[in-house]
PDB file of all heavy atoms in Angstrom:
ATOM      1  N   ALA A   1      29.203  25.745  47.158  1.00  0.00           N
ATOM      2  CA  ALA A   1      29.468  27.144  47.142  1.00  0.00           C
ATOM      3  C   ALA A   1      28.530  27.962  46.296  1.00  0.00           C
ATOM      4  O   ALA A   1      28.636  29.224  46.131  1.00  0.00           O
ATOM      5  CB  ALA A   1      30.937  27.351  46.580  1.00  0.00           C
ATOM      6  N   GLY A   2      27.582  27.355  45.802  1.00  0.00           N
ATOM      7  CA  GLY A   2      26.413  28.027  45.027  1.00  0.00           C
ATOM      8  C   GLY A   2      26.495  27.929  43.510  1.00  0.00           C
ATOM      9  O   GLY A   2      25.613  28.546  42.839  1.00  0.00           O
ATOM     10  N   GLU A   3      27.481  27.273  42.911  1.00  0.00           N
ATOM     11  CA  GLU A   3      27.623  27.206  41.469  1.00  0.00           C
ATOM     12  C   GLU A   3      26.626  26.170  40.947  1.00  0.00           C
ATOM     13  O   GLU A   3      26.357  25.155  41.511  1.00  0.00           O
ATOM     14  CB  GLU A   3      29.023  26.820  41.044  1.00  0.00           C
ATOM     15  CG  GLU A   3      30.129  27.757  41.515  1.00  0.00           C
ATOM     16  CD  GLU A   3      29.826  29.303  41.003  1.00  0.00           C
ATOM     17  OE1 GLU A   3      29.338  29.349  39.766  1.00  0.00           O
ATOM     18  OE2 GLU A   3      30.115  30.168  41.686  1.00  0.00           O
ATOM     19  N   VAL A   4      26.033  26.566  39.804  1.00  0.00           N
ATOM     20  CA  VAL A   4      24.945  25.669  39.168  1.00  0.00           C
ATOM     21  C   VAL A   4      25.254  25.386  37.687  1.00  0.00           C
ATOM     22  O   VAL A   4      24.514  24.481  37.167  1.00  0.00           O
ATOM     23  CB  VAL A   4      23.641  26.417  39.238  1.00  0.00           C
ATOM     24  CG1 VAL A   4      23.220  26.640  40.758  1.00  0.00           C
ATOM     25  CG2 VAL A   4      23.581  27.710  38.587  1.00  0.00           C
ATOM     26  N   LEU A   5      26.157  26.014  37.069  1.00  0.00           N
ATOM     27  CA  LEU A   5      26.404  25.705  35.573  1.00  0.00           C
ATOM     28  C   LEU A   5      27.705  24.995  35.321  1.00  0.00           C
ATOM     29  O   LEU A   5      28.783  25.616  35.730  1.00  0.00           O
ATOM     30  CB  LEU A   5      26.358  27.054  34.883  1.00  0.00           C
ATOM     31  CG  LEU A   5      26.464  26.990  33.352  1.00  0.00           C
ATOM     32  CD1 LEU A   5      25.372  26.110  32.773  1.00  0.00           C
ATOM     33  CD2 LEU A   5      26.370  28.420  32.800  1.00  0.00           C
ATOM     34  N   PHE A   6      27.650  23.823  34.793  1.00  0.00           N
ATOM     35  CA  PHE A   6      28.829  22.979  34.486  1.00  0.00           C
ATOM     36  C   PHE A   6      28.894  22.504  33.062  1.00  0.00           C
ATOM     37  O   PHE A   6      27.850  22.301  32.437  1.00  0.00           O
ATOM     38  CB  PHE A   6      28.838  21.751  35.465  1.00  0.00           C
ATOM     39  CG  PHE A   6      28.915  22.137  36.862  1.00  0.00           C
ATOM     40  CD1 PHE A   6      27.725  22.524  37.606  1.00  0.00           C
ATOM     41  CD2 PHE A   6      30.109  22.165  37.592  1.00  0.00           C
ATOM     42  CE1 PHE A   6      27.823  22.968  39.002  1.00  0.00           C
ATOM     43  CE2 PHE A   6      30.159  22.563  38.906  1.00  0.00           C
ATOM     44  CZ  PHE A   6      29.000  22.924  39.574  1.00  0.00           C
ATOM     45  N   GLY A   7      30.076  22.355  32.539  1.00  0.00           N
ATOM     46  CA  GLY A   7      30.263  21.999  31.120  1.00  0.00           C
ATOM     47  C   GLY A   7      31.282  20.806  31.079  1.00  0.00           C
ATOM     48  O   GLY A   7      32.358  20.823  31.658  1.00  0.00           O
ATOM     49  N   GLU A   8      30.886  19.822  30.280  1.00  0.00           N
ATOM     50  CA  GLU A   8      31.841  18.741  30.168  1.00  0.00           C
ATOM     51  C   GLU A   8      32.306  18.527  28.678  1.00  0.00           C
ATOM     52  O   GLU A   8      31.557  18.913  27.756  1.00  0.00           O
ATOM     53  CB  GLU A   8      31.061  17.381  30.492  1.00  0.00           C
ATOM     54  CG  GLU A   8      31.869  16.138  30.601  1.00  0.00           C
ATOM     55  CD  GLU A   8      33.233  16.320  31.385  1.00  0.00           C
ATOM     56  OE1 GLU A   8      33.151  16.501  32.608  1.00  0.00           O
ATOM     57  OE2 GLU A   8      34.271  16.298  30.702  1.00  0.00           O
ATOM     58  N   ASN A   9      33.555  18.069  28.482  1.00  0.00           N
ATOM     59  CA  ASN A   9      34.174  17.942  27.153  1.00  0.00           C
ATOM     60  C   ASN A   9      33.975  16.529  26.518  1.00  0.00           C
ATOM     61  O   ASN A   9      34.149  16.375  25.338  1.00  0.00           O
ATOM     62  CB  ASN A   9      35.712  18.175  27.312  1.00  0.00           C
ATOM     63  CG  ASN A   9      35.955  19.717  27.244  1.00  0.00           C
ATOM     64  OD1 ASN A   9      35.661  20.333  28.318  1.00  0.00           O
ATOM     65  ND2 ASN A   9      36.562  20.112  26.240  1.00  0.00           N
ATOM     66  N   LYS A  10      33.828  15.524  27.373  1.00  0.00           N
ATOM     67  CA  LYS A  10      33.861  14.184  26.916  1.00  0.00           C
ATOM     68  C   LYS A  10      32.427  13.502  27.268  1.00  0.00           C
ATOM     69  O   LYS A  10      31.998  13.548  28.368  1.00  0.00           O
ATOM     70  CB  LYS A  10      34.935  13.358  27.475  1.00  0.00           C
ATOM     71  CG  LYS A  10      36.364  13.831  27.109  1.00  0.00           C
ATOM     72  CD  LYS A  10      36.713  13.221  25.837  1.00  0.00           C
ATOM     73  CE  LYS A  10      38.175  13.555  25.469  1.00  0.00           C
ATOM     74  NZ  LYS A  10      38.549  12.952  24.136  1.00  0.00           N
ATOM     75  N   ALA A  11      31.874  12.790  26.280  1.00  0.00           N
ATOM     76  CA  ALA A  11      30.503  12.133  26.485  1.00  0.00           C
ATOM     77  C   ALA A  11      30.706  11.159  27.571  1.00  0.00           C
ATOM     78  O   ALA A  11      29.764  10.990  28.371  1.00  0.00           O
ATOM     79  CB  ALA A  11      30.206  11.533  25.113  1.00  0.00           C
ATOM     80  N   GLN A  12      31.794  10.388  27.677  1.00  0.00           N
ATOM     81  CA  GLN A  12      31.871   9.372  28.722  1.00  0.00           C
ATOM     82  C   GLN A  12      32.018   9.942  29.998  1.00  0.00           C
ATOM     83  O   GLN A  12      31.232   9.413  30.989  1.00  0.00           O
ATOM     84  CB  GLN A  12      33.093   8.472  28.510  1.00  0.00           C
ATOM     85  CG  GLN A  12      33.415   7.377  29.462  1.00  0.00           C
ATOM     86  CD  GLN A  12      32.332   6.338  29.389  1.00  0.00           C
ATOM     87  OE1 GLN A  12      32.026   5.846  28.361  1.00  0.00           O
ATOM     88  NE2 GLN A  12      31.781   6.049  30.587  1.00  0.00           N
ATOM     89  N   GLU A  13      32.658  11.012  30.245  1.00  0.00           N
ATOM     90  CA  GLU A  13      32.709  11.648  31.537  1.00  0.00           C
ATOM     91  C   GLU A  13      31.386  12.187  31.924  1.00  0.00           C
ATOM     92  O   GLU A  13      30.976  12.142  33.108  1.00  0.00           O
ATOM     93  CB  GLU A  13      33.772  12.781  31.515  1.00  0.00           C
ATOM     94  CG  GLU A  13      35.238  12.337  31.716  1.00  0.00           C
ATOM     95  CD  GLU A  13      36.256  13.434  32.045  1.00  0.00           C
ATOM     96  OE1 GLU A  13      36.055  14.111  33.064  1.00  0.00           O
ATOM     97  OE2 GLU A  13      37.157  13.591  31.281  1.00  0.00           O
ATOM     98  N   LEU A  14      30.681  12.818  31.006  1.00  0.00           N
ATOM     99  CA  LEU A  14      29.317  13.363  31.197  1.00  0.00           C
ATOM    100  C   LEU A  14      28.386  12.208  31.709  1.00  0.00           C
ATOM    101  O   LEU A  14      27.685  12.384  32.688  1.00  0.00           O
ATOM    102  CB  LEU A  14      28.833  14.001  29.930  1.00  0.00           C
ATOM    103  CG  LEU A  14      27.413  14.559  29.975  1.00  0.00           C
ATOM    104  CD1 LEU A  14      27.251  15.671  31.078  1.00  0.00           C
ATOM    105  CD2 LEU A  14      26.940  14.963  28.617  1.00  0.00           C
ATOM    106  N   ARG A  15      28.516  11.107  31.041  1.00  0.00           N
ATOM    107  CA  ARG A  15      27.639   9.937  31.315  1.00  0.00           C
ATOM    108  C   ARG A  15      27.876   9.387  32.758  1.00  0.00           C
ATOM    109  O   ARG A  15      27.066   9.044  33.492  1.00  0.00           O
ATOM    110  CB  ARG A  15      27.888   8.900  30.250  1.00  0.00           C
ATOM    111  CG  ARG A  15      26.813   7.769  30.248  1.00  0.00           C
ATOM    112  CD  ARG A  15      26.900   6.934  29.016  1.00  0.00           C
ATOM    113  NE  ARG A  15      28.219   6.371  28.747  1.00  0.00           N
ATOM    114  CZ  ARG A  15      28.815   6.373  27.628  1.00  0.00           C
ATOM    115  NH1 ARG A  15      28.326   6.950  26.505  1.00  0.00           N
ATOM    116  NH2 ARG A  15      29.968   5.827  27.439  1.00  0.00           N
ATOM    117  N   ASP A  16      29.229   9.436  33.132  1.00  0.00           N
ATOM    118  CA  ASP A  16      29.605   8.938  34.466  1.00  0.00           C
ATOM    119  C   ASP A  16      29.196   9.936  35.586  1.00  0.00           C
ATOM    120  O   ASP A  16      28.719   9.520  36.599  1.00  0.00           O
ATOM    121  CB  ASP A  16      31.112   8.728  34.506  1.00  0.00           C
ATOM    122  CG  ASP A  16      31.577   7.585  33.623  1.00  0.00           C
ATOM    123  OD1 ASP A  16      30.733   6.757  33.148  1.00  0.00           O
ATOM    124  OD2 ASP A  16      32.783   7.507  33.333  1.00  0.00           O
ATOM    125  N   LYS A  17      29.361  11.249  35.350  1.00  0.00           N
ATOM    126  CA  LYS A  17      29.101  12.260  36.347  1.00  0.00           C
ATOM    127  C   LYS A  17      27.630  12.563  36.532  1.00  0.00           C
ATOM    128  O   LYS A  17      27.234  12.794  37.681  1.00  0.00           O
ATOM    129  CB  LYS A  17      29.928  13.542  36.012  1.00  0.00           C
ATOM    130  CG  LYS A  17      31.451  13.490  36.197  1.00  0.00           C
ATOM    131  CD  LYS A  17      32.168  14.612  35.562  1.00  0.00           C
ATOM    132  CE  LYS A  17      33.644  14.502  35.667  1.00  0.00           C
ATOM    133  NZ  LYS A  17      34.360  15.488  34.984  1.00  0.00           N
ATOM    134  N   PHE A  18      26.870  12.557  35.594  1.00  0.00           N
ATOM    135  CA  PHE A  18      25.524  12.979  35.559  1.00  0.00           C
ATOM    136  C   PHE A  18      24.664  12.297  36.558  1.00  0.00           C
ATOM    137  O   PHE A  18      24.060  13.081  37.502  1.00  0.00           O
ATOM    138  CB  PHE A  18      24.894  12.867  34.190  1.00  0.00           C
ATOM    139  CG  PHE A  18      23.513  13.575  34.129  1.00  0.00           C
ATOM    140  CD1 PHE A  18      23.404  14.941  33.823  1.00  0.00           C
ATOM    141  CD2 PHE A  18      22.311  12.778  34.415  1.00  0.00           C
ATOM    142  CE1 PHE A  18      22.109  15.551  33.768  1.00  0.00           C
ATOM    143  CE2 PHE A  18      21.115  13.379  34.310  1.00  0.00           C
ATOM    144  CZ  PHE A  18      20.991  14.770  34.032  1.00  0.00           C
ATOM    145  N   PRO A  19      24.634  10.969  36.679  1.00  0.00           N
ATOM    146  CA  PRO A  19      23.744  10.323  37.670  1.00  0.00           C
ATOM    147  C   PRO A  19      24.300  10.665  39.148  1.00  0.00           C
ATOM    148  O   PRO A  19      23.358  10.760  40.080  1.00  0.00           O
ATOM    149  CB  PRO A  19      23.865   8.877  37.416  1.00  0.00           C
ATOM    150  CG  PRO A  19      25.048   8.704  36.523  1.00  0.00           C
ATOM    151  CD  PRO A  19      25.214   9.965  35.824  1.00  0.00           C
ATOM    152  N   LEU A  20      25.512  10.835  39.366  1.00  0.00           N
ATOM    153  CA  LEU A  20      26.034  11.165  40.641  1.00  0.00           C
ATOM    154  C   LEU A  20      25.717  12.558  41.107  1.00  0.00           C
ATOM    155  O   LEU A  20      25.843  12.821  42.332  1.00  0.00           O
ATOM    156  CB  LEU A  20      27.572  10.895  40.674  1.00  0.00           C
ATOM    157  CG  LEU A  20      27.999   9.473  40.269  1.00  0.00           C
ATOM    158  CD1 LEU A  20      29.603   9.520  40.139  1.00  0.00           C
ATOM    159  CD2 LEU A  20      27.595   8.484  41.348  1.00  0.00           C
ATOM    160  N   MET A  21      25.376  13.350  40.242  1.00  0.00           N
ATOM    161  CA  MET A  21      25.056  14.780  40.484  1.00  0.00           C
ATOM    162  C   MET A  21      23.587  15.048  40.629  1.00  0.00           C
ATOM    163  O   MET A  21      23.141  16.219  40.810  1.00  0.00           O
ATOM    164  CB  MET A  21      25.665  15.731  39.503  1.00  0.00           C
ATOM    165  CG  MET A  21      27.115  15.376  39.242  1.00  0.00           C
ATOM    166  SD  MET A  21      28.206  15.949  40.610  1.00  0.00           S
ATOM    167  CE  MET A  21      28.417  17.560  40.114  1.00  0.00           C
ATOM    168  N   GLN A  22      22.740  14.091  40.421  1.00  0.00           N
ATOM    169  CA  GLN A  22      21.250  14.256  40.255  1.00  0.00           C
ATOM    170  C   GLN A  22      20.775  14.871  41.683  1.00  0.00           C
ATOM    171  O   GLN A  22      19.724  15.415  41.655  1.00  0.00           O
ATOM    172  CB  GLN A  22      20.662  12.978  39.929  1.00  0.00           C
ATOM    173  CG  GLN A  22      20.699  12.605  38.502  1.00  0.00           C
ATOM    174  CD  GLN A  22      20.025  13.673  37.571  1.00  0.00           C
ATOM    175  OE1 GLN A  22      20.499  14.718  37.330  1.00  0.00           O
ATOM    176  NE2 GLN A  22      18.786  13.368  37.157  1.00  0.00           N
ATOM    177  N   GLN A  23      21.408  14.527  42.835  1.00  0.00           N
ATOM    178  CA  GLN A  23      20.950  15.105  43.992  1.00  0.00           C
ATOM    179  C   GLN A  23      20.905  16.652  44.044  1.00  0.00           C
ATOM    180  O   GLN A  23      20.184  17.218  44.921  1.00  0.00           O
ATOM    181  CB  GLN A  23      21.741  14.522  45.225  1.00  0.00           C
ATOM    182  CG  GLN A  23      23.174  14.887  45.033  1.00  0.00           C
ATOM    183  CD  GLN A  23      24.098  14.305  46.134  1.00  0.00           C
ATOM    184  OE1 GLN A  23      23.873  14.612  47.287  1.00  0.00           O
ATOM    185  NE2 GLN A  23      25.047  13.540  45.734  1.00  0.00           N
ATOM    186  N   TYR A  24      21.729  17.204  43.228  1.00  0.00           N
ATOM    187  CA  TYR A  24      21.833  18.631  43.109  1.00  0.00           C
ATOM    188  C   TYR A  24      20.896  19.033  42.002  1.00  0.00           C
ATOM    189  O   TYR A  24      21.243  19.329  40.877  1.00  0.00           O
ATOM    190  CB  TYR A  24      23.223  19.160  42.869  1.00  0.00           C
ATOM    191  CG  TYR A  24      24.154  18.773  43.964  1.00  0.00           C
ATOM    192  CD1 TYR A  24      24.993  17.597  43.810  1.00  0.00           C
ATOM    193  CD2 TYR A  24      24.322  19.479  45.127  1.00  0.00           C
ATOM    194  CE1 TYR A  24      25.829  17.182  44.763  1.00  0.00           C
ATOM    195  CE2 TYR A  24      25.249  19.108  46.099  1.00  0.00           C
ATOM    196  CZ  TYR A  24      26.004  17.903  45.957  1.00  0.00           C
ATOM    197  OH  TYR A  24      26.814  17.662  46.926  1.00  0.00           O
ATOM    198  N   ASN A  25      19.612  19.321  42.365  1.00  0.00           N
ATOM    199  CA  ASN A  25      18.565  19.427  41.283  1.00  0.00           C
ATOM    200  C   ASN A  25      18.584  20.815  40.558  1.00  0.00           C
ATOM    201  O   ASN A  25      18.011  20.962  39.580  1.00  0.00           O
ATOM    202  CB  ASN A  25      17.160  19.166  41.790  1.00  0.00           C
ATOM    203  CG  ASN A  25      16.835  20.085  43.024  1.00  0.00           C
ATOM    204  OD1 ASN A  25      17.560  20.995  43.299  1.00  0.00           O
ATOM    205  ND2 ASN A  25      15.734  19.729  43.665  1.00  0.00           N
ATOM    206  N   ARG A  26      19.485  21.709  41.054  1.00  0.00           N
ATOM    207  CA  ARG A  26      19.506  23.094  40.382  1.00  0.00           C
ATOM    208  C   ARG A  26      20.568  23.093  39.294  1.00  0.00           C
ATOM    209  O   ARG A  26      20.687  23.968  38.544  1.00  0.00           O
ATOM    210  CB  ARG A  26      19.839  24.184  41.377  1.00  0.00           C
ATOM    211  CG  ARG A  26      18.782  24.445  42.437  1.00  0.00           C
ATOM    212  CD  ARG A  26      19.167  25.512  43.372  1.00  0.00           C
ATOM    213  NE  ARG A  26      20.479  25.149  43.969  1.00  0.00           N
ATOM    214  CZ  ARG A  26      21.442  26.047  43.994  1.00  0.00           C
ATOM    215  NH1 ARG A  26      21.451  27.305  43.489  1.00  0.00           N
ATOM    216  NH2 ARG A  26      22.629  25.697  44.689  1.00  0.00           N
ATOM    217  N   VAL A  27      21.347  21.985  39.251  1.00  0.00           N
ATOM    218  CA  VAL A  27      22.542  21.930  38.334  1.00  0.00           C
ATOM    219  C   VAL A  27      22.184  21.847  36.979  1.00  0.00           C
ATOM    220  O   VAL A  27      21.309  21.004  36.530  1.00  0.00           O
ATOM    221  CB  VAL A  27      23.531  20.790  38.734  1.00  0.00           C
ATOM    222  CG1 VAL A  27      24.563  20.573  37.704  1.00  0.00           C
ATOM    223  CG2 VAL A  27      24.142  21.079  40.163  1.00  0.00           C
ATOM    224  N   GLU A  28      22.796  22.630  36.073  1.00  0.00           N
ATOM    225  CA  GLU A  28      22.556  22.659  34.654  1.00  0.00           C
ATOM    226  C   GLU A  28      23.905  22.186  33.933  1.00  0.00           C
ATOM    227  O   GLU A  28      24.984  22.746  34.210  1.00  0.00           O
ATOM    228  CB  GLU A  28      22.154  24.003  34.097  1.00  0.00           C
ATOM    229  CG  GLU A  28      21.843  24.075  32.639  1.00  0.00           C
ATOM    230  CD  GLU A  28      21.397  25.441  32.224  1.00  0.00           C
ATOM    231  OE1 GLU A  28      21.205  26.344  33.051  1.00  0.00           O
ATOM    232  OE2 GLU A  28      21.339  25.672  30.995  1.00  0.00           O
ATOM    233  N   TRP A  29      23.723  21.325  32.986  1.00  0.00           N
ATOM    234  CA  TRP A  29      24.931  20.760  32.286  1.00  0.00           C
ATOM    235  C   TRP A  29      24.931  21.228  30.867  1.00  0.00           C
ATOM    236  O   TRP A  29      23.899  21.168  30.179  1.00  0.00           O
ATOM    237  CB  TRP A  29      24.924  19.229  32.332  1.00  0.00           C
ATOM    238  CG  TRP A  29      25.401  18.553  33.626  1.00  0.00           C
ATOM    239  CD1 TRP A  29      24.567  18.175  34.661  1.00  0.00           C
ATOM    240  CD2 TRP A  29      26.737  18.423  34.024  1.00  0.00           C
ATOM    241  NE1 TRP A  29      25.451  17.782  35.662  1.00  0.00           N
ATOM    242  CE2 TRP A  29      26.682  17.853  35.314  1.00  0.00           C
ATOM    243  CE3 TRP A  29      28.101  18.619  33.455  1.00  0.00           C
ATOM    244  CZ2 TRP A  29      27.788  17.535  36.035  1.00  0.00           C
ATOM    245  CZ3 TRP A  29      29.126  18.374  34.142  1.00  0.00           C
ATOM    246  CH2 TRP A  29      29.098  17.720  35.437  1.00  0.00           C
ATOM    247  N   HIS A  30      26.081  21.617  30.380  1.00  0.00           N
ATOM    248  CA  HIS A  30      26.348  21.940  28.992  1.00  0.00           C
ATOM    249  C   HIS A  30      27.399  21.018  28.433  1.00  0.00           C
ATOM    250  O   HIS A  30      28.190  20.487  29.219  1.00  0.00           O
ATOM    251  CB  HIS A  30      26.869  23.331  28.715  1.00  0.00           C
ATOM    252  CG  HIS A  30      25.761  24.415  29.080  1.00  0.00           C
ATOM    253  ND1 HIS A  30      25.981  25.779  28.913  1.00  0.00           N
ATOM    254  CD2 HIS A  30      24.542  24.363  29.579  1.00  0.00           C
ATOM    255  CE1 HIS A  30      24.902  26.540  29.257  1.00  0.00           C
ATOM    256  NE2 HIS A  30      24.036  25.571  29.590  1.00  0.00           N
ATOM    257  N   PHE A  31      27.432  20.776  27.109  1.00  0.00           N
ATOM    258  CA  PHE A  31      28.468  20.043  26.441  1.00  0.00           C
ATOM    259  C   PHE A  31      29.397  21.084  25.765  1.00  0.00           C
ATOM    260  O   PHE A  31      28.854  21.708  24.856  1.00  0.00           O
ATOM    261  CB  PHE A  31      27.974  19.012  25.523  1.00  0.00           C
ATOM    262  CG  PHE A  31      29.053  18.077  25.089  1.00  0.00           C
ATOM    263  CD1 PHE A  31      29.457  16.991  25.902  1.00  0.00           C
ATOM    264  CD2 PHE A  31      29.720  18.159  23.857  1.00  0.00           C
ATOM    265  CE1 PHE A  31      30.414  16.119  25.514  1.00  0.00           C
ATOM    266  CE2 PHE A  31      30.705  17.361  23.442  1.00  0.00           C
ATOM    267  CZ  PHE A  31      31.170  16.271  24.313  1.00  0.00           C
ATOM    268  N   ILE A  32      30.693  21.015  26.019  1.00  0.00           N
ATOM    269  CA  ILE A  32      31.513  22.067  25.499  1.00  0.00           C
ATOM    270  C   ILE A  32      32.691  21.526  24.698  1.00  0.00           C
ATOM    271  O   ILE A  32      33.547  22.290  24.226  1.00  0.00           O
ATOM    272  CB  ILE A  32      32.141  22.941  26.645  1.00  0.00           C
ATOM    273  CG1 ILE A  32      32.877  22.144  27.695  1.00  0.00           C
ATOM    274  CG2 ILE A  32      31.006  23.739  27.354  1.00  0.00           C
ATOM    275  CD1 ILE A  32      33.497  23.022  28.779  1.00  0.00           C
ATOM    276  N   GLY A  33      32.811  20.197  24.512  1.00  0.00           N
ATOM    277  CA  GLY A  33      33.904  19.624  23.776  1.00  0.00           C
ATOM    278  C   GLY A  33      33.521  19.257  22.357  1.00  0.00           C
ATOM    279  O   GLY A  33      32.368  19.422  21.908  1.00  0.00           O
ATOM    280  N   HIS A  34      34.503  18.721  21.683  1.00  0.00           N
ATOM    281  CA  HIS A  34      34.199  18.244  20.309  1.00  0.00           C
ATOM    282  C   HIS A  34      33.292  17.017  20.357  1.00  0.00           C
ATOM    283  O   HIS A  34      33.547  16.056  21.131  1.00  0.00           O
ATOM    284  CB  HIS A  34      35.521  17.750  19.692  1.00  0.00           C
ATOM    285  CG  HIS A  34      35.462  17.219  18.286  1.00  0.00           C
ATOM    286  ND1 HIS A  34      34.939  17.971  17.278  1.00  0.00           N
ATOM    287  CD2 HIS A  34      35.593  15.992  17.784  1.00  0.00           C
ATOM    288  CE1 HIS A  34      34.890  17.206  16.186  1.00  0.00           C
ATOM    289  NE2 HIS A  34      35.278  16.068  16.525  1.00  0.00           N
ATOM    290  N   LEU A  35      32.180  17.079  19.574  1.00  0.00           N
ATOM    291  CA  LEU A  35      31.226  16.068  19.640  1.00  0.00           C
ATOM    292  C   LEU A  35      31.282  15.184  18.401  1.00  0.00           C
ATOM    293  O   LEU A  35      31.058  15.672  17.388  1.00  0.00           O
ATOM    294  CB  LEU A  35      29.903  16.677  19.865  1.00  0.00           C
ATOM    295  CG  LEU A  35      28.573  15.734  19.950  1.00  0.00           C
ATOM    296  CD1 LEU A  35      28.804  14.763  21.040  1.00  0.00           C
ATOM    297  CD2 LEU A  35      27.346  16.561  20.187  1.00  0.00           C
ATOM    298  N   GLN A  36      31.437  13.903  18.604  1.00  0.00           N
ATOM    299  CA  GLN A  36      31.406  12.916  17.552  1.00  0.00           C
ATOM    300  C   GLN A  36      29.964  12.577  17.257  1.00  0.00           C
ATOM    301  O   GLN A  36      29.155  12.451  18.172  1.00  0.00           O
ATOM    302  CB  GLN A  36      32.349  11.743  17.858  1.00  0.00           C
ATOM    303  CG  GLN A  36      33.783  12.101  17.942  1.00  0.00           C
ATOM    304  CD  GLN A  36      34.521  11.060  18.802  1.00  0.00           C
ATOM    305  OE1 GLN A  36      34.811  11.219  20.029  1.00  0.00           O
ATOM    306  NE2 GLN A  36      34.708   9.944  18.152  1.00  0.00           N
ATOM    307  N   THR A  37      29.655  12.267  16.086  1.00  0.00           N
ATOM    308  CA  THR A  37      28.242  11.961  15.692  1.00  0.00           C
ATOM    309  C   THR A  37      27.796  10.616  16.447  1.00  0.00           C
ATOM    310  O   THR A  37      26.610  10.585  16.791  1.00  0.00           O
ATOM    311  CB  THR A  37      28.002  11.793  14.140  1.00  0.00           C
ATOM    312  OG1 THR A  37      28.967  10.820  13.658  1.00  0.00           O
ATOM    313  CG2 THR A  37      28.233  13.112  13.465  1.00  0.00           C
ATOM    314  N   ASN A  38      28.689   9.728  16.740  1.00  0.00           N
ATOM    315  CA  ASN A  38      28.297   8.555  17.324  1.00  0.00           C
ATOM    316  C   ASN A  38      28.077   8.649  18.807  1.00  0.00           C
ATOM    317  O   ASN A  38      27.748   7.715  19.539  1.00  0.00           O
ATOM    318  CB  ASN A  38      29.233   7.351  17.028  1.00  0.00           C
ATOM    319  CG  ASN A  38      30.650   7.629  17.541  1.00  0.00           C
ATOM    320  OD1 ASN A  38      30.919   8.648  18.074  1.00  0.00           O
ATOM    321  ND2 ASN A  38      31.521   6.671  17.367  1.00  0.00           N
ATOM    322  N   LYS A  39      28.311   9.881  19.378  1.00  0.00           N
ATOM    323  CA  LYS A  39      28.151  10.211  20.859  1.00  0.00           C
ATOM    324  C   LYS A  39      26.894  11.079  20.996  1.00  0.00           C
ATOM    325  O   LYS A  39      26.625  11.413  22.166  1.00  0.00           O
ATOM    326  CB  LYS A  39      29.393  10.804  21.343  1.00  0.00           C
ATOM    327  CG  LYS A  39      30.613  10.051  21.363  1.00  0.00           C
ATOM    328  CD  LYS A  39      30.559   8.880  22.219  1.00  0.00           C
ATOM    329  CE  LYS A  39      31.936   8.194  22.490  1.00  0.00           C
ATOM    330  NZ  LYS A  39      32.702   7.795  21.265  1.00  0.00           N
ATOM    331  N   VAL A  40      26.185  11.353  19.945  1.00  0.00           N
ATOM    332  CA  VAL A  40      25.114  12.383  20.048  1.00  0.00           C
ATOM    333  C   VAL A  40      24.050  11.807  20.954  1.00  0.00           C
ATOM    334  O   VAL A  40      23.457  12.554  21.797  1.00  0.00           O
ATOM    335  CB  VAL A  40      24.525  12.577  18.592  1.00  0.00           C
ATOM    336  CG1 VAL A  40      23.095  13.104  18.698  1.00  0.00           C
ATOM    337  CG2 VAL A  40      25.408  13.658  17.921  1.00  0.00           C
ATOM    338  N   LYS A  41      23.747  10.520  20.835  1.00  0.00           N
ATOM    339  CA  LYS A  41      22.626   9.935  21.586  1.00  0.00           C
ATOM    340  C   LYS A  41      22.804  10.027  23.076  1.00  0.00           C
ATOM    341  O   LYS A  41      21.989  10.281  23.850  1.00  0.00           O
ATOM    342  CB  LYS A  41      22.496   8.408  21.252  1.00  0.00           C
ATOM    343  CG  LYS A  41      21.284   7.727  21.796  1.00  0.00           C
ATOM    344  CD  LYS A  41      21.150   6.281  21.235  1.00  0.00           C
ATOM    345  CE  LYS A  41      19.965   5.640  21.847  1.00  0.00           C
ATOM    346  NZ  LYS A  41      19.838   4.257  21.413  1.00  0.00           N
ATOM    347  N   ASP A  42      24.127   9.844  23.485  1.00  0.00           N
ATOM    348  CA  ASP A  42      24.514  10.023  24.896  1.00  0.00           C
ATOM    349  C   ASP A  42      24.289  11.426  25.318  1.00  0.00           C
ATOM    350  O   ASP A  42      23.787  11.676  26.437  1.00  0.00           O
ATOM    351  CB  ASP A  42      25.961   9.544  25.152  1.00  0.00           C
ATOM    352  CG  ASP A  42      26.133   8.079  24.896  1.00  0.00           C
ATOM    353  OD1 ASP A  42      25.119   7.348  25.252  1.00  0.00           O
ATOM    354  OD2 ASP A  42      27.207   7.696  24.532  1.00  0.00           O
ATOM    355  N   VAL A  43      24.791  12.367  24.660  1.00  0.00           N
ATOM    356  CA  VAL A  43      24.945  13.739  25.088  1.00  0.00           C
ATOM    357  C   VAL A  43      23.590  14.434  25.164  1.00  0.00           C
ATOM    358  O   VAL A  43      23.323  15.132  26.137  1.00  0.00           O
ATOM    359  CB  VAL A  43      25.920  14.599  24.197  1.00  0.00           C
ATOM    360  CG1 VAL A  43      25.714  16.084  24.425  1.00  0.00           C
ATOM    361  CG2 VAL A  43      27.304  14.055  24.335  1.00  0.00           C
TER     362      VAL A  43
END
């Protein structure tokens, strides 16, 4: 439908979804949830 900006709350969900969405090369991801220091590397 033309949307390009998406935000995820959980590092694990972001890690799972990101590679599946790579075909949509215009998509931009933000992290919007509470971020634990041990998840920084992933995010």
